[in-house]
């Protein structure tokens, strides 16, 4: 059986976890490549992808992948 004080502590921890999750959504991390910029939230969700005008599509894919991976690694730290 769970005591009242343990239940109270669990409820407090849940509230704190929700607060931290909201704060993580507001932290943005970016990484730039030669042809693009990727911004992700600390929750590891893509916020935006910006592609430089006039970029050759054949050059974009590897650059975009690299920028995305670097942004995600930064968000994990």
C-alpha atoms as a PDB file:
ATOM      1  CA  UNK A   1       0.000   0.000   0.000  1.00  0.00           C
ATOM      2  CA  UNK A   2       1.277   3.474  -0.885  1.00  0.00           C
ATOM      3  CA  UNK A   3       1.406   5.937   1.962  1.00  0.00           C
ATOM      4  CA  UNK A   4      -0.082   9.407   1.657  1.00  0.00           C
ATOM      5  CA  UNK A   5       3.344  11.082   1.757  1.00  0.00           C
ATOM      6  CA  UNK A   6       4.637   8.866  -1.069  1.00  0.00           C
ATOM      7  CA  UNK A   7       1.570   9.619  -3.170  1.00  0.00           C
ATOM      8  CA  UNK A   8       2.065  13.320  -2.486  1.00  0.00           C
ATOM      9  CA  UNK A   9       5.731  13.069  -3.560  1.00  0.00           C
ATOM     10  CA  UNK A  10       4.750  11.243  -6.761  1.00  0.00           C
ATOM     11  CA  UNK A  11       2.203  13.937  -7.596  1.00  0.00           C
ATOM     12  CA  UNK A  12       4.826  16.659  -6.992  1.00  0.00           C
ATOM     13  CA  UNK A  13       7.305  14.874  -9.273  1.00  0.00           C
ATOM     14  CA  UNK A  14       4.681  14.606 -12.015  1.00  0.00           C
ATOM     15  CA  UNK A  15       4.022  18.357 -11.801  1.00  0.00           C
ATOM     16  CA  UNK A  16       7.747  19.108 -11.988  1.00  0.00           C
ATOM     17  CA  UNK A  17       8.158  16.786 -14.986  1.00  0.00           C
ATOM     18  CA  UNK A  18       5.350  18.572 -16.852  1.00  0.00           C
ATOM     19  CA  UNK A  19       6.954  21.931 -16.090  1.00  0.00           C
ATOM     20  CA  UNK A  20      10.343  20.768 -17.407  1.00  0.00           C
ATOM     21  CA  UNK A  21       8.722  19.371 -20.558  1.00  0.00           C
ATOM     22  CA  UNK A  22       7.111  22.765 -21.271  1.00  0.00           C
ATOM     23  CA  UNK A  23      10.471  24.483 -20.763  1.00  0.00           C
ATOM     24  CA  UNK A  24      12.186  22.073 -23.163  1.00  0.00           C
ATOM     25  CA  UNK A  25       9.710  22.967 -25.896  1.00  0.00           C
ATOM     26  CA  UNK A  26      10.902  26.585 -25.690  1.00  0.00           C
ATOM     27  CA  UNK A  27      14.617  25.795 -26.027  1.00  0.00           C
ATOM     28  CA  UNK A  28      15.745  25.865 -29.657  1.00  0.00           C
ATOM     29  CA  UNK A  29      18.994  24.482 -31.034  1.00  0.00           C
ATOM     30  CA  UNK A  30      20.252  25.201 -34.537  1.00  0.00           C
ATOM     31  CA  UNK A  31      22.840  23.775 -36.885  1.00  0.00           C
ATOM     32  CA  UNK A  32      23.908  25.258 -40.199  1.00  0.00           C
ATOM     33  CA  UNK A  33      25.215  23.548 -43.263  1.00  0.00           C
ATOM     34  CA  UNK A  34      26.574  25.099 -46.440  1.00  0.00           C
ATOM     35  CA  UNK A  35      23.134  25.260 -48.011  1.00  0.00           C
ATOM     36  CA  UNK A  36      20.633  25.061 -45.147  1.00  0.00           C
ATOM     37  CA  UNK A  37      19.817  25.723 -41.513  1.00  0.00           C
ATOM     38  CA  UNK A  38      17.914  23.343 -39.206  1.00  0.00           C
ATOM     39  CA  UNK A  39      16.318  24.351 -35.901  1.00  0.00           C
ATOM     40  CA  UNK A  40      15.054  21.735 -33.436  1.00  0.00           C
ATOM     41  CA  UNK A  41      13.554  22.023 -29.966  1.00  0.00           C
ATOM     42  CA  UNK A  42      15.169  20.434 -26.921  1.00  0.00           C
ATOM     43  CA  UNK A  43      12.327  17.909 -27.162  1.00  0.00           C
ATOM     44  CA  UNK A  44      13.926  16.859 -30.462  1.00  0.00           C
ATOM     45  CA  UNK A  45      11.144  18.127 -32.692  1.00  0.00           C
ATOM     46  CA  UNK A  46      11.942  20.032 -35.881  1.00  0.00           C
ATOM     47  CA  UNK A  47      11.030  23.703 -35.507  1.00  0.00           C
ATOM     48  CA  UNK A  48      12.194  24.943 -38.913  1.00  0.00           C
ATOM     49  CA  UNK A  49      14.298  24.148 -41.958  1.00  0.00           C
ATOM     50  CA  UNK A  50      15.661  27.003 -44.061  1.00  0.00           C
ATOM     51  CA  UNK A  51      17.196  26.380 -47.482  1.00  0.00           C
ATOM     52  CA  UNK A  52      19.428  29.018 -49.052  1.00  0.00           C
ATOM     53  CA  UNK A  53      17.980  30.467 -52.277  1.00  0.00           C
ATOM     54  CA  UNK A  54      19.443  29.092 -55.495  1.00  0.00           C
ATOM     55  CA  UNK A  55      20.684  25.872 -53.881  1.00  0.00           C
ATOM     56  CA  UNK A  56      21.187  22.943 -56.260  1.00  0.00           C
ATOM     57  CA  UNK A  57      18.882  20.166 -55.078  1.00  0.00           C
ATOM     58  CA  UNK A  58      21.546  17.487 -55.667  1.00  0.00           C
ATOM     59  CA  UNK A  59      23.791  19.233 -53.108  1.00  0.00           C
ATOM     60  CA  UNK A  60      21.031  19.768 -50.574  1.00  0.00           C
ATOM     61  CA  UNK A  61      20.279  16.228 -49.365  1.00  0.00           C
ATOM     62  CA  UNK A  62      23.663  15.398 -47.786  1.00  0.00           C
ATOM     63  CA  UNK A  63      23.985  18.894 -46.319  1.00  0.00           C
ATOM     64  CA  UNK A  64      20.478  18.777 -44.871  1.00  0.00           C
ATOM     65  CA  UNK A  65      21.088  15.349 -43.344  1.00  0.00           C
ATOM     66  CA  UNK A  66      24.332  16.525 -41.750  1.00  0.00           C
ATOM     67  CA  UNK A  67      22.766  19.720 -40.329  1.00  0.00           C
ATOM     68  CA  UNK A  68      19.777  17.798 -39.006  1.00  0.00           C
ATOM     69  CA  UNK A  69      21.970  15.197 -37.268  1.00  0.00           C
ATOM     70  CA  UNK A  70      24.166  17.880 -35.681  1.00  0.00           C
ATOM     71  CA  UNK A  71      21.101  19.772 -34.408  1.00  0.00           C
ATOM     72  CA  UNK A  72      19.641  16.596 -32.884  1.00  0.00           C
ATOM     73  CA  UNK A  73      22.926  15.762 -31.153  1.00  0.00           C
ATOM     74  CA  UNK A  74      23.067  19.286 -29.693  1.00  0.00           C
ATOM     75  CA  UNK A  75      19.494  18.918 -28.446  1.00  0.00           C
ATOM     76  CA  UNK A  76      20.360  15.674 -26.652  1.00  0.00           C
ATOM     77  CA  UNK A  77      23.120  17.227 -24.545  1.00  0.00           C
END
